[in-house]
Amino acid sequence: MNIWVEAIYIISQGLYACRMLYQANATKKAKKSITPLFYWQLTLIAQILLMIYGYLLGSISMPLLGFISIPFIFYNMKIEIKK
């Protein structure tokens, strides 16, 4: 498999890990459970990269699931912007 395809996967998984750490840190600072806008931005970028990765693998399910989840990500971003 192409090294660039694997790099896309590793970067997307790294972004998912970073978003979790960022959210945990923001929650700790706020002393209540929150999901900041940056959390959703990282989620969107990671999801797009996973969709690209799935497409490059020839998978139909990964891009399809991404197209299903992206509207929910945008909805949550909209809610965070309105706060």
N, C-alpha and C. Protein backbone atom coordinates (compact mmCIF):
# COMPACT_ATOMS: atom_id res chain seq x y z
N MET A 1 0.84 -1.18 0.00
CA MET A 1 0.00 0.00 0.00
C MET A 1 0.89 1.25 0.00
N ASN A 2 0.39 2.26 -0.61
CA ASN A 2 1.12 3.51 -0.74
C ASN A 2 1.33 4.16 0.63
N ILE A 3 2.51 4.69 0.85
CA ILE A 3 2.85 5.31 2.13
C ILE A 3 1.98 6.54 2.41
N TRP A 4 1.57 7.26 1.36
CA TRP A 4 0.75 8.45 1.53
C TRP A 4 -0.67 8.08 2.00
N VAL A 5 -1.16 6.97 1.53
CA VAL A 5 -2.47 6.51 1.98
C VAL A 5 -2.43 6.20 3.47
N GLU A 6 -1.39 5.51 3.89
CA GLU A 6 -1.23 5.19 5.31
C GLU A 6 -1.01 6.45 6.14
N ALA A 7 -0.30 7.43 5.57
CA ALA A 7 -0.07 8.69 6.27
C ALA A 7 -1.38 9.42 6.52
N ILE A 8 -2.29 9.39 5.55
CA ILE A 8 -3.61 10.02 5.72
C ILE A 8 -4.34 9.38 6.89
N TYR A 9 -4.28 8.06 6.97
CA TYR A 9 -4.94 7.34 8.06
C TYR A 9 -4.33 7.70 9.41
N ILE A 10 -3.02 7.72 9.49
CA ILE A 10 -2.33 8.03 10.75
C ILE A 10 -2.64 9.46 11.20
N ILE A 11 -2.64 10.40 10.26
CA ILE A 11 -2.94 11.79 10.60
C ILE A 11 -4.38 11.92 11.10
N SER A 12 -5.31 11.25 10.42
CA SER A 12 -6.71 11.34 10.86
C SER A 12 -6.89 10.76 12.25
N GLN A 13 -6.25 9.65 12.54
CA GLN A 13 -6.36 9.06 13.87
C GLN A 13 -5.68 9.95 14.92
N GLY A 14 -4.59 10.59 14.53
CA GLY A 14 -3.93 11.53 15.43
C GLY A 14 -4.81 12.72 15.76
N LEU A 15 -5.55 13.20 14.75
CA LEU A 15 -6.47 14.31 14.99
C LEU A 15 -7.60 13.91 15.93
N TYR A 16 -8.09 12.68 15.77
CA TYR A 16 -9.13 12.19 16.69
C TYR A 16 -8.59 12.13 18.12
N ALA A 17 -7.36 11.70 18.27
CA ALA A 17 -6.76 11.64 19.61
C ALA A 17 -6.57 13.05 20.17
N CYS A 18 -6.10 13.97 19.34
CA CYS A 18 -5.90 15.36 19.78
C CYS A 18 -7.20 16.01 20.20
N ARG A 19 -8.28 15.73 19.46
CA ARG A 19 -9.56 16.35 19.81
C ARG A 19 -10.04 15.85 21.18
N MET A 20 -9.79 14.58 21.46
CA MET A 20 -10.20 14.03 22.74
C MET A 20 -9.40 14.69 23.88
N LEU A 21 -8.11 14.82 23.68
CA LEU A 21 -7.26 15.46 24.70
C LEU A 21 -7.64 16.93 24.88
N TYR A 22 -7.92 17.61 23.77
CA TYR A 22 -8.32 19.02 23.84
C TYR A 22 -9.63 19.18 24.61
N GLN A 23 -10.60 18.31 24.30
CA GLN A 23 -11.89 18.37 24.97
C GLN A 23 -11.74 18.07 26.47
N ALA A 24 -10.93 17.09 26.80
CA ALA A 24 -10.71 16.74 28.20
C ALA A 24 -10.07 17.91 28.95
N ASN A 25 -9.11 18.56 28.33
CA ASN A 25 -8.45 19.71 28.96
C ASN A 25 -9.41 20.88 29.12
N ALA A 26 -10.21 21.15 28.09
CA ALA A 26 -11.18 22.25 28.17
C ALA A 26 -12.23 21.97 29.24
N THR A 27 -12.66 20.72 29.33
CA THR A 27 -13.63 20.34 30.35
C THR A 27 -13.05 20.50 31.75
N LYS A 28 -11.80 20.13 31.90
CA LYS A 28 -11.14 20.26 33.21
C LYS A 28 -11.03 21.72 33.61
N LYS A 29 -10.68 22.59 32.66
CA LYS A 29 -10.55 24.01 32.97
C LYS A 29 -11.91 24.63 33.30
N ALA A 30 -12.95 24.22 32.58
CA ALA A 30 -14.28 24.79 32.80
C ALA A 30 -14.99 24.16 34.00
N LYS A 31 -14.47 23.06 34.45
CA LYS A 31 -15.05 22.30 35.56
C LYS A 31 -16.48 21.85 35.27
N LYS A 32 -16.74 21.63 34.00
CA LYS A 32 -17.99 21.03 33.55
C LYS A 32 -17.75 20.47 32.15
N SER A 33 -18.58 19.56 31.74
CA SER A 33 -18.41 18.91 30.44
C SER A 33 -18.76 19.88 29.31
N ILE A 34 -17.80 20.14 28.43
CA ILE A 34 -18.03 21.01 27.28
C ILE A 34 -17.39 20.40 26.04
N THR A 35 -17.86 20.83 24.90
CA THR A 35 -17.24 20.45 23.63
C THR A 35 -17.01 21.74 22.84
N PRO A 36 -15.81 22.30 22.91
CA PRO A 36 -15.52 23.57 22.24
C PRO A 36 -15.60 23.45 20.71
N LEU A 37 -15.71 24.60 20.06
CA LEU A 37 -15.78 24.63 18.60
C LEU A 37 -14.57 23.96 17.97
N PHE A 38 -13.40 24.17 18.54
CA PHE A 38 -12.18 23.57 17.98
C PHE A 38 -12.27 22.04 17.97
N TYR A 39 -12.95 21.47 18.95
CA TYR A 39 -13.18 20.02 18.99
C TYR A 39 -13.91 19.58 17.73
N TRP A 40 -14.95 20.31 17.36
CA TRP A 40 -15.73 19.94 16.18
C TRP A 40 -14.96 20.21 14.89
N GLN A 41 -14.12 21.23 14.88
CA GLN A 41 -13.28 21.49 13.71
C GLN A 41 -12.29 20.35 13.49
N LEU A 42 -11.67 19.88 14.57
CA LEU A 42 -10.76 18.74 14.45
C LEU A 42 -11.51 17.49 14.00
N THR A 43 -12.72 17.32 14.51
CA THR A 43 -13.54 16.18 14.11
C THR A 43 -13.84 16.22 12.62
N LEU A 44 -14.19 17.39 12.12
CA LEU A 44 -14.50 17.54 10.69
C LEU A 44 -13.29 17.22 9.82
N ILE A 45 -12.14 17.76 10.17
CA ILE A 45 -10.93 17.50 9.39
C ILE A 45 -10.58 16.01 9.42
N ALA A 46 -10.64 15.42 10.59
CA ALA A 46 -10.33 13.99 10.73
C ALA A 46 -11.31 13.14 9.93
N GLN A 47 -12.60 13.51 9.96
CA GLN A 47 -13.60 12.74 9.23
C GLN A 47 -13.37 12.83 7.72
N ILE A 48 -13.04 14.01 7.24
CA ILE A 48 -12.75 14.17 5.81
C ILE A 48 -11.55 13.33 5.41
N LEU A 49 -10.51 13.34 6.24
CA LEU A 49 -9.33 12.52 5.94
C LEU A 49 -9.67 11.03 5.94
N LEU A 50 -10.53 10.60 6.86
CA LEU A 50 -10.94 9.19 6.87
C LEU A 50 -11.76 8.84 5.63
N MET A 51 -12.56 9.79 5.16
CA MET A 51 -13.32 9.56 3.93
C MET A 51 -12.37 9.40 2.74
N ILE A 52 -11.37 10.24 2.69
CA ILE A 52 -10.37 10.15 1.61
C ILE A 52 -9.64 8.82 1.69
N TYR A 53 -9.26 8.45 2.90
CA TYR A 53 -8.57 7.18 3.11
C TYR A 53 -9.44 6.01 2.64
N GLY A 54 -10.70 6.01 3.02
CA GLY A 54 -11.61 4.95 2.60
C GLY A 54 -11.78 4.91 1.10
N TYR A 55 -11.87 6.08 0.48
CA TYR A 55 -11.98 6.14 -0.98
C TYR A 55 -10.75 5.55 -1.65
N LEU A 56 -9.58 5.92 -1.14
CA LEU A 56 -8.34 5.42 -1.73
C LEU A 56 -8.18 3.91 -1.54
N LEU A 57 -8.80 3.37 -0.50
CA LEU A 57 -8.78 1.92 -0.29
C LEU A 57 -9.80 1.19 -1.17
N GLY A 58 -10.70 1.96 -1.75
CA GLY A 58 -11.74 1.35 -2.57
C GLY A 58 -12.96 0.93 -1.75
N SER A 59 -13.06 1.46 -0.55
CA SER A 59 -14.18 1.13 0.34
C SER A 59 -15.34 2.06 0.05
N ILE A 60 -16.54 1.52 0.09
CA ILE A 60 -17.73 2.35 -0.06
C ILE A 60 -18.27 2.78 1.30
N SER A 61 -18.05 1.97 2.31
CA SER A 61 -18.65 2.25 3.62
C SER A 61 -18.02 3.43 4.34
N MET A 62 -16.72 3.58 4.27
CA MET A 62 -16.06 4.68 4.99
C MET A 62 -16.48 6.05 4.45
N PRO A 63 -16.43 6.27 3.14
CA PRO A 63 -16.91 7.57 2.64
C PRO A 63 -18.41 7.78 2.88
N LEU A 64 -19.19 6.71 2.76
CA LEU A 64 -20.63 6.82 2.97
C LEU A 64 -20.94 7.21 4.41
N LEU A 65 -20.29 6.58 5.36
CA LEU A 65 -20.50 6.94 6.76
C LEU A 65 -20.04 8.36 7.05
N GLY A 66 -19.00 8.80 6.35
CA GLY A 66 -18.54 10.18 6.51
C GLY A 66 -19.58 11.16 6.02
N PHE A 67 -20.19 10.87 4.87
CA PHE A 67 -21.23 11.76 4.36
C PHE A 67 -22.45 11.79 5.28
N ILE A 68 -22.69 10.71 5.98
CA ILE A 68 -23.81 10.68 6.93
C ILE A 68 -23.48 11.49 8.18
N SER A 69 -22.23 11.42 8.65
CA SER A 69 -21.88 12.08 9.91
C SER A 69 -21.54 13.56 9.76
N ILE A 70 -21.12 14.00 8.59
CA ILE A 70 -20.71 15.40 8.42
C ILE A 70 -21.84 16.40 8.71
N PRO A 71 -23.08 16.15 8.30
CA PRO A 71 -24.14 17.10 8.68
C PRO A 71 -24.30 17.26 10.20
N PHE A 72 -24.11 16.18 10.95
CA PHE A 72 -24.19 16.26 12.40
C PHE A 72 -23.04 17.08 12.97
N ILE A 73 -21.88 16.95 12.37
CA ILE A 73 -20.73 17.74 12.82
C ILE A 73 -21.00 19.23 12.58
N PHE A 74 -21.51 19.56 11.38
CA PHE A 74 -21.84 20.96 11.09
C PHE A 74 -22.93 21.49 12.02
N TYR A 75 -23.90 20.66 12.33
CA TYR A 75 -24.97 21.06 13.26
C TYR A 75 -24.38 21.39 14.63
N ASN A 76 -23.49 20.56 15.12
CA ASN A 76 -22.87 20.82 16.42
C ASN A 76 -21.97 22.04 16.38
N MET A 77 -21.30 22.27 15.25
CA MET A 77 -20.49 23.49 15.12
C MET A 77 -21.40 24.72 15.16
N LYS A 78 -22.54 24.65 14.50
CA LYS A 78 -23.50 25.76 14.50
C LYS A 78 -23.97 26.07 15.91
N ILE A 79 -24.25 25.03 16.69
CA ILE A 79 -24.68 25.23 18.08
C ILE A 79 -23.58 25.91 18.89
N GLU A 80 -22.34 25.47 18.71
CA GLU A 80 -21.22 26.08 19.47
C GLU A 80 -21.00 27.52 19.08
N ILE A 81 -21.19 27.86 17.81
CA ILE A 81 -21.01 29.24 17.37
C ILE A 81 -22.07 30.15 17.98
N LYS A 82 -23.30 29.64 18.11
CA LYS A 82 -24.40 30.44 18.68
C LYS A 82 -24.26 30.68 20.18
N LYS A 83 -23.46 29.90 20.87
CA LYS A 83 -23.31 30.07 22.32
C LYS A 83 -22.63 31.36 22.66
